[in-house]
Amino acid sequence: MNSSENPSSDPESKEVLINGVPQDWREAWPISELLLEMGANGPGVAVERNGEVVRKAKYETTFLFPGDKIEVLRLVGGG
């Protein structure tokens, strides 16, 4: 899938859903910027956009669109 395509199921929405929480959408908003804002730009982070995993190499060129559903997962190890 091209990172500039909008696979959203709700193109009428002006929000994105991030970890289940609605957020106002902003134009030209890449995943890399979202992660910086969340403090989740370090190792051990995985991102899913509309049910598809986004590769780390594509974070800067994958933009959020209205209606997108984003899941940001932080991997934690321990025992």
PDB file of N, CA and C in Angstrom:
ATOM      1  N   MET A   1       0.845  -1.177   0.000  1.00  0.00           N
ATOM      2  CA  MET A   1       0.000   0.000   0.000  1.00  0.00           C
ATOM      3  C   MET A   1       0.887   1.235   0.000  1.00  0.00           C
ATOM      4  N   ASN A   2       0.552   2.177  -0.804  1.00  0.00           N
ATOM      5  CA  ASN A   2       1.267   3.440  -0.879  1.00  0.00           C
ATOM      6  C   ASN A   2       0.991   4.234   0.388  1.00  0.00           C
ATOM      7  N   SER A   3       2.035   4.796   0.977  1.00  0.00           N
ATOM      8  CA  SER A   3       1.865   5.509   2.245  1.00  0.00           C
ATOM      9  C   SER A   3       1.067   6.797   2.108  1.00  0.00           C
ATOM     10  N   SER A   4       0.816   7.238   0.881  1.00  0.00           N
ATOM     11  CA  SER A   4       0.002   8.442   0.711  1.00  0.00           C
ATOM     12  C   SER A   4      -1.466   8.123   0.470  1.00  0.00           C
ATOM     13  N   GLU A   5      -1.802   6.844   0.367  1.00  0.00           N
ATOM     14  CA  GLU A   5      -3.197   6.451   0.170  1.00  0.00           C
ATOM     15  C   GLU A   5      -3.945   6.512   1.488  1.00  0.00           C
ATOM     16  N   ASN A   6      -5.237   6.751   1.403  1.00  0.00           N
ATOM     17  CA  ASN A   6      -6.083   6.758   2.588  1.00  0.00           C
ATOM     18  C   ASN A   6      -6.987   5.538   2.568  1.00  0.00           C
ATOM     19  N   PRO A   7      -6.625   4.487   3.324  1.00  0.00           N
ATOM     20  CA  PRO A   7      -7.463   3.292   3.374  1.00  0.00           C
ATOM     21  C   PRO A   7      -8.572   3.397   4.405  1.00  0.00           C
ATOM     22  N   SER A   8      -8.847   4.583   4.890  1.00  0.00           N
ATOM     23  CA  SER A   8      -9.810   4.800   5.959  1.00  0.00           C
ATOM     24  C   SER A   8     -11.203   4.327   5.582  1.00  0.00           C
ATOM     25  N   SER A   9     -11.899   3.802   6.586  1.00  0.00           N
ATOM     26  CA  SER A   9     -13.275   3.378   6.364  1.00  0.00           C
ATOM     27  C   SER A   9     -14.264   4.510   6.634  1.00  0.00           C
ATOM     28  N   ASP A  10     -13.798   5.657   7.127  1.00  0.00           N
ATOM     29  CA  ASP A  10     -14.683   6.774   7.443  1.00  0.00           C
ATOM     30  C   ASP A  10     -14.097   8.084   6.918  1.00  0.00           C
ATOM     31  N   PRO A  11     -14.171   8.319   5.605  1.00  0.00           N
ATOM     32  CA  PRO A  11     -13.560   9.514   5.031  1.00  0.00           C
ATOM     33  C   PRO A  11     -14.253  10.816   5.429  1.00  0.00           C
ATOM     34  N   GLU A  12     -15.445  10.759   6.025  1.00  0.00           N
ATOM     35  CA  GLU A  12     -16.160  11.968   6.440  1.00  0.00           C
ATOM     36  C   GLU A  12     -15.635  12.525   7.765  1.00  0.00           C
ATOM     37  N   SER A  13     -14.956  11.713   8.538  1.00  0.00           N
ATOM     38  CA  SER A  13     -14.458  12.127   9.843  1.00  0.00           C
ATOM     39  C   SER A  13     -13.301  13.108   9.695  1.00  0.00           C
ATOM     40  N   LYS A  14     -13.182  14.044  10.627  1.00  0.00           N
ATOM     41  CA  LYS A  14     -12.033  14.948  10.681  1.00  0.00           C
ATOM     42  C   LYS A  14     -11.180  14.618  11.901  1.00  0.00           C
ATOM     43  N   GLU A  15     -11.287  13.382  12.358  1.00  0.00           N
ATOM     44  CA  GLU A  15     -10.514  12.913  13.500  1.00  0.00           C
ATOM     45  C   GLU A  15      -9.763  11.650  13.111  1.00  0.00           C
ATOM     46  N   VAL A  16      -8.748  11.347  13.910  1.00  0.00           N
ATOM     47  CA  VAL A  16      -8.091  10.050  13.848  1.00  0.00           C
ATOM     48  C   VAL A  16      -8.287   9.412  15.215  1.00  0.00           C
ATOM     49  N   LEU A  17      -8.311   8.111  15.244  1.00  0.00           N
ATOM     50  CA  LEU A  17      -8.464   7.375  16.490  1.00  0.00           C
ATOM     51  C   LEU A  17      -7.091   6.828  16.855  1.00  0.00           C
ATOM     52  N   ILE A  18      -6.531   7.294  17.964  1.00  0.00           N
ATOM     53  CA  ILE A  18      -5.200   6.879  18.383  1.00  0.00           C
ATOM     54  C   ILE A  18      -5.325   6.119  19.690  1.00  0.00           C
ATOM     55  N   ASN A  19      -5.013   4.831  19.631  1.00  0.00           N
ATOM     56  CA  ASN A  19      -5.169   3.941  20.786  1.00  0.00           C
ATOM     57  C   ASN A  19      -6.566   4.072  21.390  1.00  0.00           C
ATOM     58  N   GLY A  20      -7.563   4.169  20.510  1.00  0.00           N
ATOM     59  CA  GLY A  20      -8.951   4.218  20.934  1.00  0.00           C
ATOM     60  C   GLY A  20      -9.459   5.588  21.350  1.00  0.00           C
ATOM     61  N   VAL A  21      -8.601   6.610  21.280  1.00  0.00           N
ATOM     62  CA  VAL A  21      -8.986   7.958  21.703  1.00  0.00           C
ATOM     63  C   VAL A  21      -9.073   8.874  20.479  1.00  0.00           C
ATOM     64  N   PRO A  22     -10.231   9.506  20.248  1.00  0.00           N
ATOM     65  CA  PRO A  22     -10.351  10.425  19.109  1.00  0.00           C
ATOM     66  C   PRO A  22      -9.445  11.647  19.284  1.00  0.00           C
ATOM     67  N   GLN A  23      -8.771  12.020  18.206  1.00  0.00           N
ATOM     68  CA  GLN A  23      -7.914  13.208  18.191  1.00  0.00           C
ATOM     69  C   GLN A  23      -8.235  13.996  16.933  1.00  0.00           C
ATOM     70  N   ASP A  24      -8.161  15.309  17.021  1.00  0.00           N
ATOM     71  CA  ASP A  24      -8.360  16.130  15.831  1.00  0.00           C
ATOM     72  C   ASP A  24      -7.252  15.836  14.829  1.00  0.00           C
ATOM     73  N   TRP A  25      -7.639  15.664  13.569  1.00  0.00           N
ATOM     74  CA  TRP A  25      -6.684  15.408  12.496  1.00  0.00           C
ATOM     75  C   TRP A  25      -6.010  16.703  12.090  1.00  0.00           C
ATOM     76  N   ARG A  26      -4.714  16.599  11.738  1.00  0.00           N
ATOM     77  CA  ARG A  26      -3.958  17.744  11.226  1.00  0.00           C
ATOM     78  C   ARG A  26      -3.376  17.369   9.869  1.00  0.00           C
ATOM     79  N   GLU A  27      -3.401  18.301   8.956  1.00  0.00           N
ATOM     80  CA  GLU A  27      -2.852  18.061   7.627  1.00  0.00           C
ATOM     81  C   GLU A  27      -1.338  17.845   7.714  1.00  0.00           C
ATOM     82  N   ALA A  28      -0.825  16.974   6.842  1.00  0.00           N
ATOM     83  CA  ALA A  28       0.613  16.676   6.762  1.00  0.00           C
ATOM     84  C   ALA A  28       1.158  16.208   8.109  1.00  0.00           C
ATOM     85  N   TRP A  29       0.488  15.234   8.708  1.00  0.00           N
ATOM     86  CA  TRP A  29       0.839  14.707  10.033  1.00  0.00           C
ATOM     87  C   TRP A  29       1.409  13.300   9.871  1.00  0.00           C
ATOM     88  N   PRO A  30       2.748  13.156   9.852  1.00  0.00           N
ATOM     89  CA  PRO A  30       3.340  11.833   9.680  1.00  0.00           C
ATOM     90  C   PRO A  30       3.361  11.047  10.997  1.00  0.00           C
ATOM     91  N   ILE A  31       3.452   9.753  10.878  1.00  0.00           N
ATOM     92  CA  ILE A  31       3.525   8.892  12.061  1.00  0.00           C
ATOM     93  C   ILE A  31       4.727   9.256  12.919  1.00  0.00           C
ATOM     94  N   SER A  32       5.847   9.617  12.295  1.00  0.00           N
ATOM     95  CA  SER A  32       7.042   9.982  13.068  1.00  0.00           C
ATOM     96  C   SER A  32       6.757  11.148  14.021  1.00  0.00           C
ATOM     97  N   GLU A  33       5.996  12.135  13.569  1.00  0.00           N
ATOM     98  CA  GLU A  33       5.658  13.289  14.413  1.00  0.00           C
ATOM     99  C   GLU A  33       4.716  12.881  15.541  1.00  0.00           C
ATOM    100  N   LEU A  34       3.745  12.038  15.236  1.00  0.00           N
ATOM    101  CA  LEU A  34       2.837  11.535  16.267  1.00  0.00           C
ATOM    102  C   LEU A  34       3.625  10.839  17.375  1.00  0.00           C
ATOM    103  N   LEU A  35       4.571   9.990  16.991  1.00  0.00           N
ATOM    104  CA  LEU A  35       5.361   9.262  17.983  1.00  0.00           C
ATOM    105  C   LEU A  35       6.197  10.208  18.840  1.00  0.00           C
ATOM    106  N   LEU A  36       6.773  11.240  18.233  1.00  0.00           N
ATOM    107  CA  LEU A  36       7.517  12.244  19.012  1.00  0.00           C
ATOM    108  C   LEU A  36       6.608  12.909  20.035  1.00  0.00           C
ATOM    109  N   GLU A  37       5.410  13.287  19.612  1.00  0.00           N
ATOM    110  CA  GLU A  37       4.452  13.940  20.510  1.00  0.00           C
ATOM    111  C   GLU A  37       4.048  13.028  21.662  1.00  0.00           C
ATOM    112  N   MET A  38       3.991  11.729  21.396  1.00  0.00           N
ATOM    113  CA  MET A  38       3.597  10.757  22.418  1.00  0.00           C
ATOM    114  C   MET A  38       4.770  10.334  23.297  1.00  0.00           C
ATOM    115  N   GLY A  39       5.992  10.721  22.927  1.00  0.00           N
ATOM    116  CA  GLY A  39       7.173  10.252  23.646  1.00  0.00           C
ATOM    117  C   GLY A  39       7.428   8.781  23.396  1.00  0.00           C
ATOM    118  N   ALA A  40       7.005   8.314  22.223  1.00  0.00           N
ATOM    119  CA  ALA A  40       7.106   6.888  21.889  1.00  0.00           C
ATOM    120  C   ALA A  40       7.984   6.679  20.658  1.00  0.00           C
ATOM    121  N   ASN A  41       9.031   7.479  20.526  1.00  0.00           N
ATOM    122  CA  ASN A  41       9.861   7.398  19.335  1.00  0.00           C
ATOM    123  C   ASN A  41      11.139   6.594  19.541  1.00  0.00           C
ATOM    124  N   GLY A  42      11.246   5.877  20.633  1.00  0.00           N
ATOM    125  CA  GLY A  42      12.428   5.069  20.908  1.00  0.00           C
ATOM    126  C   GLY A  42      12.263   3.635  20.439  1.00  0.00           C
ATOM    127  N   PRO A  43      13.194   2.784  20.853  1.00  0.00           N
ATOM    128  CA  PRO A  43      13.095   1.369  20.478  1.00  0.00           C
ATOM    129  C   PRO A  43      11.918   0.689  21.178  1.00  0.00           C
ATOM    130  N   GLY A  44      11.494  -0.424  20.623  1.00  0.00           N
ATOM    131  CA  GLY A  44      10.420  -1.191  21.234  1.00  0.00           C
ATOM    132  C   GLY A  44       9.035  -0.648  20.971  1.00  0.00           C
ATOM    133  N   VAL A  45       8.864   0.077  19.863  1.00  0.00           N
ATOM    134  CA  VAL A  45       7.559   0.642  19.510  1.00  0.00           C
ATOM    135  C   VAL A  45       7.103   0.036  18.192  1.00  0.00           C
ATOM    136  N   ALA A  46       5.836  -0.328  18.133  1.00  0.00           N
ATOM    137  CA  ALA A  46       5.236  -0.831  16.894  1.00  0.00           C
ATOM    138  C   ALA A  46       3.985  -0.001  16.614  1.00  0.00           C
ATOM    139  N   VAL A  47       3.728   0.240  15.327  1.00  0.00           N
ATOM    140  CA  VAL A  47       2.574   1.050  14.931  1.00  0.00           C
ATOM    141  C   VAL A  47       1.724   0.273  13.937  1.00  0.00           C
ATOM    142  N   GLU A  48       0.423   0.308  14.174  1.00  0.00           N
ATOM    143  CA  GLU A  48      -0.545  -0.292  13.258  1.00  0.00           C
ATOM    144  C   GLU A  48      -1.468   0.827  12.773  1.00  0.00           C
ATOM    145  N   ARG A  49      -1.683   0.862  11.459  1.00  0.00           N
ATOM    146  CA  ARG A  49      -2.582   1.864  10.861  1.00  0.00           C
ATOM    147  C   ARG A  49      -3.668   1.138  10.097  1.00  0.00           C
ATOM    148  N   ASN A  50      -4.899   1.300  10.539  1.00  0.00           N
ATOM    149  CA  ASN A  50      -6.051   0.665   9.897  1.00  0.00           C
ATOM    150  C   ASN A  50      -5.844  -0.837   9.722  1.00  0.00           C
ATOM    151  N   GLY A  51      -5.296  -1.472  10.762  1.00  0.00           N
ATOM    152  CA  GLY A  51      -5.139  -2.921  10.765  1.00  0.00           C
ATOM    153  C   GLY A  51      -3.886  -3.439  10.096  1.00  0.00           C
ATOM    154  N   GLU A  52      -3.021  -2.555   9.598  1.00  0.00           N
ATOM    155  CA  GLU A  52      -1.786  -2.983   8.945  1.00  0.00           C
ATOM    156  C   GLU A  52      -0.583  -2.405   9.677  1.00  0.00           C
ATOM    157  N   VAL A  53       0.422  -3.252   9.906  1.00  0.00           N
ATOM    158  CA  VAL A  53       1.642  -2.805  10.567  1.00  0.00           C
ATOM    159  C   VAL A  53       2.388  -1.844   9.647  1.00  0.00           C
ATOM    160  N   VAL A  54       2.875  -0.744  10.221  1.00  0.00           N
ATOM    161  CA  VAL A  54       3.678   0.229   9.479  1.00  0.00           C
ATOM    162  C   VAL A  54       5.142  -0.027   9.828  1.00  0.00           C
ATOM    163  N   ARG A  55       5.965  -0.228   8.819  1.00  0.00           N
ATOM    164  CA  ARG A  55       7.391  -0.460   9.048  1.00  0.00           C
ATOM    165  C   ARG A  55       8.049   0.825   9.533  1.00  0.00           C
ATOM    166  N   LYS A  56       8.993   0.684  10.444  1.00  0.00           N
ATOM    167  CA  LYS A  56       9.677   1.841  11.022  1.00  0.00           C
ATOM    168  C   LYS A  56      10.296   2.728   9.943  1.00  0.00           C
ATOM    169  N   ALA A  57      10.810   2.139   8.889  1.00  0.00           N
ATOM    170  CA  ALA A  57      11.429   2.901   7.797  1.00  0.00           C
ATOM    171  C   ALA A  57      10.426   3.815   7.092  1.00  0.00           C
ATOM    172  N   LYS A  58       9.131   3.584   7.298  1.00  0.00           N
ATOM    173  CA  LYS A  58       8.091   4.378   6.627  1.00  0.00           C
ATOM    174  C   LYS A  58       7.405   5.386   7.556  1.00  0.00           C
ATOM    175  N   TYR A  59       7.854   5.493   8.806  1.00  0.00           N
ATOM    176  CA  TYR A  59       7.204   6.404   9.754  1.00  0.00           C
ATOM    177  C   TYR A  59       7.205   7.856   9.267  1.00  0.00           C
ATOM    178  N   GLU A  60       8.288   8.297   8.634  1.00  0.00           N
ATOM    179  CA  GLU A  60       8.373   9.700   8.197  1.00  0.00           C
ATOM    180  C   GLU A  60       7.557   9.982   6.944  1.00  0.00           C
ATOM    181  N   THR A  61       7.262   8.947   6.166  1.00  0.00           N
ATOM    182  CA  THR A  61       6.548   9.155   4.895  1.00  0.00           C
ATOM    183  C   THR A  61       5.122   8.622   4.910  1.00  0.00           C
ATOM    184  N   THR A  62       4.687   8.113   6.060  1.00  0.00           N
ATOM    185  CA  THR A  62       3.310   7.638   6.196  1.00  0.00           C
ATOM    186  C   THR A  62       2.528   8.687   6.975  1.00  0.00           C
ATOM    187  N   PHE A  63       1.566   9.302   6.290  1.00  0.00           N
ATOM    188  CA  PHE A  63       0.792  10.393   6.872  1.00  0.00           C
ATOM    189  C   PHE A  63      -0.564   9.903   7.361  1.00  0.00           C
ATOM    190  N   LEU A  64      -1.049  10.556   8.410  1.00  0.00           N
ATOM    191  CA  LEU A  64      -2.367  10.235   8.947  1.00  0.00           C
ATOM    192  C   LEU A  64      -3.428  10.956   8.134  1.00  0.00           C
ATOM    193  N   PHE A  65      -4.559  10.284   7.977  1.00  0.00           N
ATOM    194  CA  PHE A  65      -5.694  10.842   7.251  1.00  0.00           C
ATOM    195  C   PHE A  65      -6.921  10.815   8.153  1.00  0.00           C
ATOM    196  N   PRO A  66      -7.885  11.700   7.921  1.00  0.00           N
ATOM    197  CA  PRO A  66      -9.115  11.666   8.710  1.00  0.00           C
ATOM    198  C   PRO A  66      -9.739  10.274   8.666  1.00  0.00           C
ATOM    199  N   GLY A  67     -10.158   9.791   9.830  1.00  0.00           N
ATOM    200  CA  GLY A  67     -10.790   8.487   9.921  1.00  0.00           C
ATOM    201  C   GLY A  67      -9.829   7.337  10.185  1.00  0.00           C
ATOM    202  N   ASP A  68      -8.503   7.591  10.124  1.00  0.00           N
ATOM    203  CA  ASP A  68      -7.530   6.526  10.390  1.00  0.00           C
ATOM    204  C   ASP A  68      -7.664   6.017  11.818  1.00  0.00           C
ATOM    205  N   LYS A  69      -7.358   4.735  11.977  1.00  0.00           N
ATOM    206  CA  LYS A  69      -7.305   4.108  13.301  1.00  0.00           C
ATOM    207  C   LYS A  69      -5.860   3.675  13.526  1.00  0.00           C
ATOM    208  N   ILE A  70      -5.215   4.301  14.511  1.00  0.00           N
ATOM    209  CA  ILE A  70      -3.806   4.074  14.805  1.00  0.00           C
ATOM    210  C   ILE A  70      -3.681   3.385  16.159  1.00  0.00           C
ATOM    211  N   GLU A  71      -2.866   2.356  16.199  1.00  0.00           N
ATOM    212  CA  GLU A  71      -2.520   1.707  17.465  1.00  0.00           C
ATOM    213  C   GLU A  71      -1.012   1.825  17.625  1.00  0.00           C
ATOM    214  N   VAL A  72      -0.576   2.384  18.750  1.00  0.00           N
ATOM    215  CA  VAL A  72       0.843   2.490  19.067  1.00  0.00           C
ATOM    216  C   VAL A  72       1.095   1.552  20.234  1.00  0.00           C
ATOM    217  N   LEU A  73       1.968   0.584  20.011  1.00  0.00           N
ATOM    218  CA  LEU A  73       2.264  -0.423  21.024  1.00  0.00           C
ATOM    219  C   LEU A  73       3.695  -0.261  21.498  1.00  0.00           C
ATOM    220  N   ARG A  74       3.877  -0.306  22.788  1.00  0.00           N
ATOM    221  CA  ARG A  74       5.221  -0.256  23.378  1.00  0.00           C
ATOM    222  C   ARG A  74       5.521  -1.626  23.948  1.00  0.00           C
ATOM    223  N   LEU A  75       6.593  -2.212  23.456  1.00  0.00           N
ATOM    224  CA  LEU A  75       6.987  -3.535  23.909  1.00  0.00           C
ATOM    225  C   LEU A  75       7.779  -3.406  25.206  1.00  0.00           C
ATOM    226  N   VAL A  76       7.397  -4.204  26.198  1.00  0.00           N
ATOM    227  CA  VAL A  76       8.037  -4.148  27.501  1.00  0.00           C
ATOM    228  C   VAL A  76       8.497  -5.547  27.862  1.00  0.00           C
ATOM    229  N   GLY A  77       9.742  -5.651  28.270  1.00  0.00           N
ATOM    230  CA  GLY A  77      10.268  -6.941  28.712  1.00  0.00           C
ATOM    231  C   GLY A  77      10.395  -6.952  30.223  1.00  0.00           C
ATOM    232  N   GLY A  78      10.502  -8.110  30.744  1.00  0.00           N
ATOM    233  CA  GLY A  78      10.658  -8.213  32.187  1.00  0.00           C
ATOM    234  C   GLY A  78      10.438  -9.641  32.641  1.00  0.00           C
ATOM    235  N   GLY A  79      10.544  -9.812  33.897  1.00  0.00           N
ATOM    236  CA  GLY A  79      10.379 -11.174  34.376  1.00  0.00           C
ATOM    237  C   GLY A  79       9.795 -11.231  35.741  1.00  0.00           C
TER     238      GLY A  79
END
